[in-house]
N, C-alpha and C. Protein backbone atom coordinates (compact mmCIF):
# COMPACT_ATOMS: atom_id res chain seq x y z
N UNK A 1 9.50 -11.70 8.16
CA UNK A 1 10.45 -11.61 7.13
C UNK A 1 10.55 -10.27 7.86
N UNK A 2 10.16 -8.85 7.75
CA UNK A 2 10.20 -7.90 7.98
C UNK A 2 10.93 -7.37 9.50
N UNK A 3 10.67 -8.10 10.03
CA UNK A 3 11.80 -8.38 11.22
C UNK A 3 12.88 -9.34 11.59
N UNK A 4 13.39 -9.60 10.52
CA UNK A 4 14.10 -10.85 10.49
C UNK A 4 15.71 -9.89 10.38
N UNK A 5 16.05 -8.87 10.30
CA UNK A 5 17.20 -8.62 10.36
C UNK A 5 18.11 -8.65 9.50
N UNK A 6 17.51 -9.26 8.30
CA UNK A 6 18.83 -9.36 7.58
C UNK A 6 17.84 -9.57 5.34
N UNK A 7 18.66 -9.18 4.75
CA UNK A 7 17.86 -10.38 3.43
C UNK A 7 17.01 -10.72 3.25
N UNK A 8 16.07 -10.73 2.97
CA UNK A 8 15.08 -11.98 2.87
C UNK A 8 14.40 -11.57 1.14
N UNK A 9 13.67 -12.80 0.93
CA UNK A 9 12.78 -12.68 -0.50
C UNK A 9 11.02 -13.24 -0.05
N UNK A 10 10.51 -12.35 -0.85
CA UNK A 10 9.19 -12.67 -0.53
C UNK A 10 8.63 -13.29 -1.72
N UNK A 11 7.86 -14.04 -1.88
CA UNK A 11 7.62 -14.17 -2.79
C UNK A 11 5.46 -13.96 -3.14
N UNK A 12 5.18 -13.88 -4.09
CA UNK A 12 3.89 -13.72 -4.02
C UNK A 12 3.12 -14.57 -5.36
N UNK A 13 2.31 -15.19 -5.60
CA UNK A 13 1.66 -15.29 -6.48
C UNK A 13 0.31 -14.88 -6.87
N UNK A 14 0.31 -14.12 -7.84
CA UNK A 14 -0.91 -12.80 -8.14
C UNK A 14 -1.36 -12.83 -9.73
N UNK A 15 -2.81 -12.96 -9.56
CA UNK A 15 -3.49 -12.65 -11.00
C UNK A 15 -2.62 -12.03 -11.78
N UNK A 16 -2.37 -11.47 -12.52
CA UNK A 16 -1.76 -10.60 -13.82
C UNK A 16 -3.32 -9.97 -13.85
N UNK A 17 -4.23 -10.16 -14.05
CA UNK A 17 -5.81 -9.66 -14.62
C UNK A 17 -6.35 -9.15 -13.33
N UNK A 18 -5.62 -9.16 -12.30
CA UNK A 18 -6.58 -7.98 -11.22
C UNK A 18 -5.84 -6.76 -11.72
N UNK A 19 -6.96 -5.32 -11.57
CA UNK A 19 -6.35 -4.63 -11.65
C UNK A 19 -5.59 -3.82 -10.42
N UNK A 20 -5.11 -3.00 -11.32
CA UNK A 20 -3.77 -2.50 -9.99
C UNK A 20 -4.42 -0.97 -9.41
N UNK A 21 -5.73 -1.18 -9.01
CA UNK A 21 -6.96 0.22 -9.34
C UNK A 21 -7.07 0.15 -7.43
N UNK A 22 -6.75 1.98 -7.01
CA UNK A 22 -7.22 2.24 -5.61
C UNK A 22 -8.72 1.85 -5.34
N UNK A 23 -8.65 1.56 -3.96
CA UNK A 23 -10.47 0.91 -4.21
C UNK A 23 -11.86 2.41 -4.58
N UNK A 24 -11.05 3.99 -4.74
CA UNK A 24 -11.71 5.00 -4.91
C UNK A 24 -11.19 5.65 -6.01
N UNK A 25 -10.79 5.04 -7.40
CA UNK A 25 -10.29 5.46 -8.25
C UNK A 25 -10.48 7.20 -8.37
N UNK A 26 -10.41 7.61 -9.34
CA UNK A 26 -10.39 9.25 -10.16
C UNK A 26 -10.49 8.93 -11.05
N UNK A 27 -11.21 9.61 -12.00
CA UNK A 27 -11.34 9.65 -13.44
C UNK A 27 -10.19 9.99 -13.99
N UNK A 28 -9.28 10.83 -13.21
CA UNK A 28 -7.56 10.46 -13.89
C UNK A 28 -6.43 9.42 -13.92
N UNK A 29 -6.75 8.97 -13.13
CA UNK A 29 -6.12 7.44 -12.38
C UNK A 29 -6.75 6.56 -13.53
N UNK A 30 -7.95 6.50 -13.86
CA UNK A 30 -8.83 5.29 -14.68
C UNK A 30 -8.20 5.53 -15.81
N UNK A 31 -8.25 7.01 -16.69
CA UNK A 31 -7.79 7.75 -17.70
C UNK A 31 -6.27 7.20 -17.86
N UNK A 32 -5.03 7.15 -17.13
CA UNK A 32 -3.59 7.18 -17.05
C UNK A 32 -3.93 5.31 -16.99
N UNK A 33 -4.76 4.95 -15.89
CA UNK A 33 -3.88 3.00 -16.84
C UNK A 33 -4.71 3.03 -18.05
N UNK A 34 -5.77 2.78 -18.16
CA UNK A 34 -5.89 2.86 -19.56
C UNK A 34 -4.87 3.40 -20.80
N UNK A 35 -4.48 4.42 -20.86
CA UNK A 35 -3.47 4.87 -22.09
C UNK A 35 -2.10 3.56 -21.50
N UNK A 36 -1.68 3.33 -20.54
CA UNK A 36 -0.85 2.48 -20.22
C UNK A 36 -1.09 1.27 -20.79
N UNK A 37 -2.23 0.81 -20.70
CA UNK A 37 -2.67 -0.79 -21.04
C UNK A 37 -2.49 -0.87 -22.56
N UNK A 38 -3.18 0.33 -23.32
CA UNK A 38 -3.04 0.30 -24.69
C UNK A 38 -2.05 0.37 -25.52
N UNK A 39 -0.74 0.25 -24.06
CA UNK A 39 0.70 0.59 -25.04
C UNK A 39 1.00 -0.63 -25.53
N UNK A 40 0.24 -1.57 -24.72
CA UNK A 40 1.40 -2.44 -24.99
C UNK A 40 1.08 -4.10 -23.47
N UNK A 41 0.02 -3.44 -22.69
CA UNK A 41 -0.21 -4.50 -21.77
C UNK A 41 -0.87 -5.87 -22.09
N UNK A 42 -0.16 -7.42 -22.06
CA UNK A 42 -0.29 -8.50 -23.18
C UNK A 42 -1.84 -8.78 -21.95
N UNK A 43 -2.23 -8.15 -20.84
CA UNK A 43 -2.76 -8.72 -20.18
C UNK A 43 -3.62 -7.37 -20.20
N UNK A 44 -4.03 -6.43 -21.18
CA UNK A 44 -5.26 -4.90 -20.89
C UNK A 44 -6.28 -5.57 -20.93
N UNK A 45 -7.01 -7.06 -22.10
CA UNK A 45 -8.03 -7.23 -22.22
C UNK A 45 -8.85 -7.78 -20.76
N UNK A 46 -8.39 -8.34 -19.98
CA UNK A 46 -8.71 -8.56 -18.52
C UNK A 46 -8.39 -8.04 -17.72
N UNK A 47 -7.82 -7.61 -17.64
CA UNK A 47 -6.99 -6.58 -16.46
C UNK A 47 -8.73 -4.87 -16.65
N UNK A 48 -8.91 -4.91 -17.64
CA UNK A 48 -10.01 -3.78 -18.31
C UNK A 48 -11.48 -4.11 -17.78
N UNK A 49 -11.62 -5.65 -18.25
CA UNK A 49 -12.76 -6.08 -17.95
C UNK A 49 -13.04 -6.83 -16.69
N UNK A 50 -11.93 -6.87 -15.73
CA UNK A 50 -12.25 -7.11 -14.74
C UNK A 50 -12.64 -5.72 -13.28
N UNK A 51 -11.54 -4.78 -13.79
CA UNK A 51 -11.84 -3.34 -13.37
C UNK A 51 -13.24 -3.01 -13.61
N UNK A 52 -13.42 -2.98 -14.78
CA UNK A 52 -14.82 -2.41 -14.76
C UNK A 52 -16.35 -3.52 -14.19
N UNK A 53 -15.51 -4.69 -14.03
CA UNK A 53 -16.73 -5.65 -13.59
C UNK A 53 -16.81 -4.94 -11.43
N UNK A 54 -15.70 -4.74 -11.09
CA UNK A 54 -15.22 -4.33 -9.84
C UNK A 54 -15.87 -3.44 -9.38
N UNK A 55 -15.80 -2.17 -10.20
CA UNK A 55 -16.92 -0.82 -10.40
C UNK A 55 -17.99 -1.12 -10.63
N UNK A 56 -18.66 -1.60 -11.38
CA UNK A 56 -20.24 -1.85 -11.39
C UNK A 56 -20.64 -2.93 -9.71
N UNK A 57 -19.74 -3.86 -9.41
CA UNK A 57 -20.39 -4.25 -8.10
C UNK A 57 -20.41 -3.46 -7.26
N UNK A 58 -19.50 -2.40 -7.26
CA UNK A 58 -19.18 -0.94 -5.94
C UNK A 58 -20.58 -0.42 -6.66
N UNK A 59 -21.13 -0.46 -7.24
CA UNK A 59 -22.74 0.64 -7.74
C UNK A 59 -23.61 -0.18 -7.51
N UNK A 60 -23.59 -1.34 -6.96
CA UNK A 60 -24.95 -1.80 -7.52
C UNK A 60 -25.83 -2.14 -5.68
N UNK A 61 -26.82 -1.78 -5.54
CA UNK A 61 -26.93 -2.30 -4.25
C UNK A 61 -27.00 -3.52 -3.59
N UNK A 62 -26.89 -3.00 -2.02
CA UNK A 62 -26.85 -4.04 -1.23
C UNK A 62 -25.37 -4.86 -0.87
N UNK A 63 -24.33 -4.05 -2.26
CA UNK A 63 -22.79 -4.79 -1.99
C UNK A 63 -21.56 -3.22 -1.07
């Protein structure tokens, strides 16, 4: 698609509850994401839950 030399459409199917976080999120980034979620994201609970799980898994030994 990128080498097509003309306009193209890329379709991606994604999980709306997968958090848009970088692998090494800072405390400030986490605060800003949380504030944005609280302002009305319909998937906020699922995103926050999966974010927390991912961070816990990073801290567990053997991961």
